[in-house]
Amino acid sequence: MTSTFFVSLFVFCLLGVGGLALYYGLYGSHRVLEERFNDLAVRIRASQGVFDDDDQDENFGRVLFKWASAHVPAPDVDTPKGEKLQQTLLQAGFLGSATPHAFVVFRVMAMVGAAALGVVFATVLGKALSMVVLFGVLGALLGFIGPTVILQRRARSRQAAIARQLSDVLDLLVVCVESGLGLDQAILQVAKELEHAHPEISEEFGFVNLELKAGKRRVEALRNLAERTGVDDLKKLVAVLIQADRFGTGVAQSLRAHADFMRIQARQVAEEKAAKLGVKLIFPIFFCILPSLFVVTVGPVAMKIVRELIPMMNNI
């Protein structure tokens, strides 16, 4: 009982520490707008002769991470595995160019730290040498798999959030374009208006606006948006905008037609889920509700038979 409790506590603490380390290690690096403003502020201070002393703000975690970054090689993003990792990081919202290297460094640190915790935990419990090695291997395996699982879950969650927010974005885009704004100004206005309500898609539209200001063509910026998010509905919207820009059709009419199409599609998806609901309820009803009904209906009869009918038959 005590050993099971300590093992559960160890796994819970390990997952908690790993999740917090991943959050604080990588979360700030994907805020592209904040990075641009911070870089601009640094340049302004440098032009005024004011420089930041980075050594005063560094703590032990940052020093250790920098040391590990210098010794762990960066992944090759040109390979299929590196491209997949970079695409997953982009879908999760980590847009920095050094993010794949930072993720690999963090995973190595998580492996070493989890293995060390496993060895220390097994040693404190007084386990045999084989169990100590087993705990270390399990900790290293957990440290290797855990960050990847968390990253993939964050990517799926962010894609689902963008897909849910797309209907509001379409309606607001239609309103902005029909009121006389151009597509670039409409994208910027949508990014500003939805900054607090829908931060994920607002961040993506803000990055599109930054790419347009940097000199990229609108078609290229929209394609980068579709590839960066990996959301099918957003890819369809990007295709509609590119076709409207290429063939010279009205952007407002194209957006309104696409909004109507997405509403019909959402209604069909809801009807499909409602039709599947009866089949999905078979197993919960059969394993959870029917046993309770049997206990409530048949239970009193069975108890009465056991108490009265069986003693009567024994007497006869």
Protein backbone atom coordinates (compact mmCIF):
# COMPACT_ATOMS: atom_id res chain seq x y z
CA MET A 1 0.00 0.00 0.00
CA THR A 2 2.81 2.42 0.97
CA SER A 3 4.88 1.53 -2.10
CA THR A 4 1.90 2.10 -4.41
CA PHE A 5 1.21 5.47 -2.81
CA PHE A 6 4.81 6.63 -3.20
CA VAL A 7 4.94 5.48 -6.84
CA SER A 8 1.73 7.37 -7.63
CA LEU A 9 3.02 10.46 -5.84
CA PHE A 10 6.30 10.26 -7.74
CA VAL A 11 4.57 10.00 -11.12
CA PHE A 12 2.24 12.88 -10.27
CA CYS A 13 5.09 15.16 -9.17
CA LEU A 14 7.16 14.22 -12.21
CA LEU A 15 4.35 15.06 -14.62
CA GLY A 16 3.62 18.32 -12.81
CA VAL A 17 7.23 19.46 -12.81
CA GLY A 18 7.66 18.47 -16.45
CA GLY A 19 4.52 20.34 -17.53
CA LEU A 20 5.54 23.51 -15.66
CA ALA A 21 9.06 23.36 -17.06
CA LEU A 22 7.70 22.97 -20.60
CA TYR A 23 5.32 25.88 -20.09
CA TYR A 24 7.90 28.29 -18.69
CA GLY A 25 10.63 27.11 -21.06
CA LEU A 26 8.75 27.41 -24.34
CA TYR A 27 5.56 29.41 -23.86
CA GLY A 28 7.09 32.85 -24.14
CA SER A 29 9.02 32.08 -27.31
CA HIS A 30 5.98 31.77 -29.56
CA ARG A 31 4.61 35.26 -28.93
CA VAL A 32 5.85 36.82 -32.13
CA LEU A 33 4.23 40.21 -31.60
CA GLU A 34 5.73 40.53 -28.13
CA GLU A 35 9.14 39.49 -29.45
CA ARG A 36 8.98 42.20 -32.13
CA PHE A 37 8.06 44.87 -29.62
CA ASN A 38 10.74 43.72 -27.17
CA ASP A 39 13.33 43.76 -29.95
CA LEU A 40 12.23 47.26 -30.93
CA ALA A 41 12.52 48.40 -27.32
CA VAL A 42 16.03 46.93 -27.06
CA ARG A 43 17.08 48.74 -30.24
CA ILE A 44 15.70 52.04 -28.96
CA ARG A 45 17.58 51.64 -25.67
CA ALA A 46 20.74 50.68 -27.54
CA SER A 47 20.48 53.78 -29.73
CA GLN A 48 20.25 55.84 -26.56
CA GLY A 49 23.32 54.13 -25.11
CA VAL A 50 21.39 52.04 -22.60
CA PHE A 51 22.22 48.31 -22.57
CA ASP A 52 20.62 45.52 -20.58
CA ASP A 53 22.73 43.50 -18.20
CA ASP A 54 21.55 39.99 -18.96
CA ASP A 55 23.78 38.40 -16.31
CA GLN A 56 21.84 40.08 -13.49
CA ASP A 57 18.48 38.66 -14.66
CA GLU A 58 19.69 35.12 -15.31
CA ASN A 59 18.75 32.46 -12.80
CA PHE A 60 19.97 28.91 -12.39
CA GLY A 61 17.35 27.49 -14.78
CA ARG A 62 18.34 29.81 -17.63
CA VAL A 63 22.05 29.19 -17.08
CA LEU A 64 21.47 25.43 -17.11
CA PHE A 65 19.32 25.67 -20.22
CA LYS A 66 21.96 27.75 -22.03
CA TRP A 67 24.67 25.27 -21.03
CA ALA A 68 22.58 22.35 -22.30
CA SER A 69 21.80 24.24 -25.53
CA ALA A 70 25.51 24.65 -26.18
CA HIS A 71 26.15 20.89 -25.78
CA VAL A 72 23.03 19.40 -27.41
CA PRO A 73 23.13 19.51 -31.23
CA ALA A 74 20.28 21.22 -33.04
CA PRO A 75 17.91 18.98 -35.04
CA ASP A 76 18.08 18.96 -38.81
CA VAL A 77 14.82 20.52 -39.97
CA ASP A 78 15.43 19.36 -43.54
CA THR A 79 14.84 15.71 -42.64
CA PRO A 80 11.27 14.32 -42.50
CA LYS A 81 11.49 13.91 -38.72
CA GLY A 82 12.75 17.48 -38.28
CA GLU A 83 10.08 18.86 -40.59
CA LYS A 84 7.39 17.03 -38.64
CA LEU A 85 8.70 18.39 -35.34
CA GLN A 86 8.83 21.93 -36.71
CA GLN A 87 5.32 21.61 -38.14
CA THR A 88 3.98 20.35 -34.81
CA LEU A 89 5.65 23.25 -33.00
CA LEU A 90 4.10 25.71 -35.45
CA GLN A 91 0.67 24.15 -35.00
CA ALA A 92 1.10 24.42 -31.24
CA GLY A 93 1.90 28.13 -31.58
CA PHE A 94 5.68 28.11 -31.10
CA LEU A 95 6.85 30.26 -34.00
CA GLY A 96 10.46 30.98 -33.07
CA SER A 97 13.18 29.78 -35.43
CA ALA A 98 15.16 28.30 -32.52
CA THR A 99 12.16 26.48 -31.05
CA PRO A 100 13.01 22.97 -32.41
CA HIS A 101 16.45 23.15 -30.79
CA ALA A 102 14.94 24.42 -27.54
CA PHE A 103 12.42 21.58 -27.55
CA VAL A 104 15.13 18.96 -28.10
CA VAL A 105 17.22 20.48 -25.30
CA PHE A 106 14.26 20.45 -22.95
CA ARG A 107 13.47 16.82 -23.81
CA VAL A 108 17.06 15.79 -23.07
CA MET A 109 16.95 17.68 -19.76
CA ALA A 110 13.62 16.05 -18.93
CA MET A 111 15.06 12.59 -19.66
CA VAL A 112 18.11 13.16 -17.45
CA GLY A 113 16.09 14.75 -14.66
CA ALA A 114 13.39 12.09 -14.68
CA ALA A 115 15.97 9.29 -14.71
CA ALA A 116 17.80 10.90 -11.77
CA LEU A 117 14.55 11.28 -9.84
CA GLY A 118 13.67 7.65 -10.53
CA VAL A 119 17.05 6.45 -9.26
CA VAL A 120 16.86 8.64 -6.15
CA PHE A 121 13.30 7.52 -5.45
CA ALA A 122 14.15 3.83 -5.77
CA THR A 123 17.26 4.29 -3.61
CA VAL A 124 15.28 6.02 -0.85
CA LEU A 125 12.77 3.15 -0.84
CA GLY A 126 15.65 0.69 -0.42
CA LYS A 127 15.02 -1.22 -3.62
CA ALA A 128 17.45 -3.66 -5.17
CA LEU A 129 19.92 -2.59 -7.84
CA SER A 130 17.79 -4.03 -10.62
CA MET A 131 14.77 -2.05 -9.43
CA VAL A 132 16.88 1.11 -9.19
CA VAL A 133 17.96 0.66 -12.80
CA LEU A 134 14.36 -0.08 -13.82
CA PHE A 135 13.10 3.10 -12.13
CA GLY A 136 15.82 5.10 -13.88
CA VAL A 137 14.92 3.65 -17.29
CA LEU A 138 11.21 4.26 -16.71
CA GLY A 139 11.92 7.85 -15.65
CA ALA A 140 14.05 8.46 -18.75
CA LEU A 141 11.34 6.97 -20.96
CA LEU A 142 8.73 9.17 -19.32
CA GLY A 143 10.92 12.25 -19.76
CA PHE A 144 11.41 11.40 -23.43
CA ILE A 145 7.76 10.72 -24.26
CA GLY A 146 6.10 13.27 -21.97
CA PRO A 147 7.12 16.52 -23.75
CA THR A 148 6.14 15.10 -27.14
CA VAL A 149 2.72 14.03 -25.88
CA ILE A 150 2.14 17.45 -24.27
CA LEU A 151 3.23 19.22 -27.45
CA GLN A 152 0.94 17.14 -29.67
CA ARG A 153 -1.98 17.66 -27.31
CA ARG A 154 -1.38 21.42 -27.30
CA ALA A 155 -1.25 21.43 -31.12
CA ARG A 156 -4.56 19.55 -31.39
CA SER A 157 -6.18 21.80 -28.79
CA ARG A 158 -5.02 24.93 -30.60
CA GLN A 159 -6.24 23.64 -33.97
CA ALA A 160 -9.63 22.82 -32.48
CA ALA A 161 -9.84 26.31 -30.95
CA ILE A 162 -9.01 27.95 -34.30
CA ALA A 163 -11.62 25.80 -36.06
CA ARG A 164 -14.27 26.86 -33.51
CA GLN A 165 -13.35 30.53 -33.82
CA LEU A 166 -13.42 30.61 -37.62
CA SER A 167 -17.15 31.29 -37.92
CA ASP A 168 -16.87 34.50 -35.86
CA VAL A 169 -13.82 35.52 -37.89
CA LEU A 170 -15.69 35.05 -41.16
CA ASP A 171 -18.64 37.15 -40.00
CA LEU A 172 -16.34 39.93 -38.82
CA LEU A 173 -14.32 39.79 -42.04
CA VAL A 174 -17.51 40.14 -44.08
CA VAL A 175 -18.59 43.15 -42.01
CA CYS A 176 -15.19 44.82 -42.36
CA VAL A 177 -14.89 44.23 -46.11
CA GLU A 178 -18.46 45.33 -46.84
CA SER A 179 -17.91 48.50 -44.82
CA GLY A 180 -15.18 49.56 -47.25
CA LEU A 181 -11.95 48.22 -45.78
CA GLY A 182 -9.43 46.38 -47.91
CA LEU A 183 -8.55 42.78 -47.16
CA ASP A 184 -5.26 43.69 -45.46
CA GLN A 185 -6.93 46.28 -43.24
CA ALA A 186 -9.79 43.87 -42.53
CA ILE A 187 -7.32 41.20 -41.37
CA LEU A 188 -5.62 43.74 -39.09
CA GLN A 189 -8.97 44.91 -37.70
CA VAL A 190 -10.09 41.34 -37.02
CA ALA A 191 -6.80 40.66 -35.21
CA LYS A 192 -7.39 43.71 -32.99
CA GLU A 193 -11.06 43.06 -32.29
CA LEU A 194 -10.65 39.37 -31.41
CA GLU A 195 -7.47 39.74 -29.36
CA HIS A 196 -9.18 38.89 -26.07
CA ALA A 197 -12.13 36.79 -27.27
CA HIS A 198 -10.19 34.52 -29.65
CA PRO A 199 -6.46 34.94 -28.93
CA GLU A 200 -5.30 32.00 -31.08
CA ILE A 201 -6.65 33.14 -34.42
CA SER A 202 -5.99 36.79 -33.52
CA GLU A 203 -2.34 35.91 -33.06
CA GLU A 204 -2.22 34.15 -36.43
CA PHE A 205 -3.85 37.08 -38.22
CA GLY A 206 -1.46 39.44 -36.47
CA PHE A 207 1.46 37.41 -37.80
CA VAL A 208 -0.06 37.61 -41.31
CA ASN A 209 -0.18 41.39 -40.94
CA LEU A 210 3.48 41.44 -39.87
CA GLU A 211 4.44 39.38 -42.93
CA LEU A 212 2.56 41.79 -45.17
CA LYS A 213 4.35 44.75 -43.59
CA ALA A 214 7.66 42.94 -44.07
CA GLY A 215 7.07 42.90 -47.82
CA LYS A 216 5.66 39.46 -48.50
CA ARG A 217 2.95 39.06 -51.09
CA ARG A 218 -0.56 38.54 -49.81
CA VAL A 219 -0.84 35.14 -51.47
CA GLU A 220 2.36 33.95 -49.82
CA ALA A 221 1.32 35.26 -46.40
CA LEU A 222 -2.07 33.54 -46.64
CA ARG A 223 -0.47 30.26 -47.71
CA ASN A 224 1.91 30.48 -44.77
CA LEU A 225 -1.11 30.96 -42.52
CA ALA A 226 -2.71 27.76 -43.84
CA GLU A 227 0.50 25.74 -43.55
CA ARG A 228 1.30 27.13 -40.11
CA THR A 229 -2.03 26.22 -38.52
CA GLY A 230 -2.88 23.01 -40.38
CA VAL A 231 -6.65 23.58 -39.95
CA ASP A 232 -8.69 22.30 -42.91
CA ASP A 233 -11.42 24.94 -42.63
CA LEU A 234 -8.82 27.71 -42.55
CA LYS A 235 -7.13 26.20 -45.61
CA LYS A 236 -10.47 26.43 -47.45
CA LEU A 237 -10.83 30.08 -46.42
CA VAL A 238 -7.30 30.82 -47.63
CA ALA A 239 -8.08 29.13 -50.96
CA VAL A 240 -11.20 31.28 -51.36
CA LEU A 241 -9.24 34.47 -50.63
CA ILE A 242 -6.45 33.54 -53.03
CA GLN A 243 -8.92 32.76 -55.81
CA ALA A 244 -10.78 36.02 -55.21
CA ASP A 245 -7.50 37.94 -55.36
CA ARG A 246 -6.27 36.11 -58.46
CA PHE A 247 -9.45 36.29 -60.57
CA GLY A 248 -10.57 39.72 -59.40
CA THR A 249 -13.92 38.66 -57.95
CA GLY A 250 -15.54 40.47 -55.07
CA VAL A 251 -13.93 39.55 -51.77
CA ALA A 252 -17.08 40.34 -49.79
CA GLN A 253 -19.25 38.11 -51.99
CA SER A 254 -16.72 35.28 -51.79
CA LEU A 255 -16.49 35.57 -48.01
CA ARG A 256 -20.26 35.67 -47.58
CA ALA A 257 -20.72 32.62 -49.82
CA HIS A 258 -18.01 30.77 -47.90
CA ALA A 259 -19.61 31.76 -44.58
CA ASP A 260 -22.94 30.32 -45.76
CA PHE A 261 -21.14 27.16 -46.88
CA MET A 262 -19.46 26.78 -43.50
CA ARG A 263 -22.77 27.23 -41.67
CA ILE A 264 -24.34 24.49 -43.80
CA GLN A 265 -21.33 22.26 -43.20
CA ALA A 266 -21.46 22.89 -39.44
CA ARG A 267 -25.18 22.05 -39.44
CA GLN A 268 -24.52 18.81 -41.32
CA VAL A 269 -21.75 17.86 -38.91
CA ALA A 270 -24.09 18.51 -35.96
CA GLU A 271 -26.82 16.40 -37.56
CA GLU A 272 -24.31 13.62 -38.19
CA LYS A 273 -23.20 13.66 -34.55
CA ALA A 274 -26.84 13.62 -33.42
CA ALA A 275 -27.53 10.60 -35.64
CA LYS A 276 -24.56 8.75 -34.14
CA LEU A 277 -25.65 9.53 -30.60
CA GLY A 278 -28.12 6.63 -30.39
CA VAL A 279 -25.48 4.09 -31.36
CA LYS A 280 -22.91 5.55 -28.95
CA LEU A 281 -25.41 5.39 -26.07
CA ILE A 282 -25.89 1.62 -26.42
CA PHE A 283 -22.82 0.67 -24.39
CA PRO A 284 -23.34 3.17 -21.51
CA ILE A 285 -26.99 2.14 -21.28
CA PHE A 286 -26.17 -1.58 -21.37
CA PHE A 287 -23.30 -1.49 -18.85
CA CYS A 288 -24.35 1.39 -16.55
CA ILE A 289 -28.11 2.02 -16.63
CA LEU A 290 -29.57 -1.46 -17.18
CA PRO A 291 -27.75 -3.04 -14.18
CA SER A 292 -29.14 -0.29 -11.96
CA LEU A 293 -32.65 -0.89 -13.33
CA PHE A 294 -32.30 -4.61 -12.70
CA VAL A 295 -31.17 -3.96 -9.14
CA VAL A 296 -34.10 -1.59 -8.49
CA THR A 297 -36.81 -3.73 -10.14
CA VAL A 298 -35.65 -7.32 -9.60
CA GLY A 299 -33.78 -6.75 -6.32
CA PRO A 300 -36.82 -6.50 -3.97
CA VAL A 301 -38.45 -9.52 -5.61
CA ALA A 302 -35.28 -11.56 -5.27
CA MET A 303 -34.91 -10.57 -1.60
CA LYS A 304 -38.51 -11.52 -0.90
CA ILE A 305 -38.00 -14.89 -2.55
CA VAL A 306 -34.87 -15.53 -0.50
CA ARG A 307 -36.54 -14.50 2.76
CA GLU A 308 -39.98 -16.11 2.37
CA LEU A 309 -40.25 -18.57 -0.51
CA ILE A 310 -37.05 -20.53 0.08
CA PRO A 311 -37.71 -21.09 3.86
CA MET A 312 -41.30 -22.11 3.01
CA MET A 313 -40.05 -24.67 0.47
CA ASN A 314 -37.54 -26.00 2.98
CA ASN A 315 -40.29 -26.48 5.57
CA ILE A 316 -42.43 -28.36 3.06
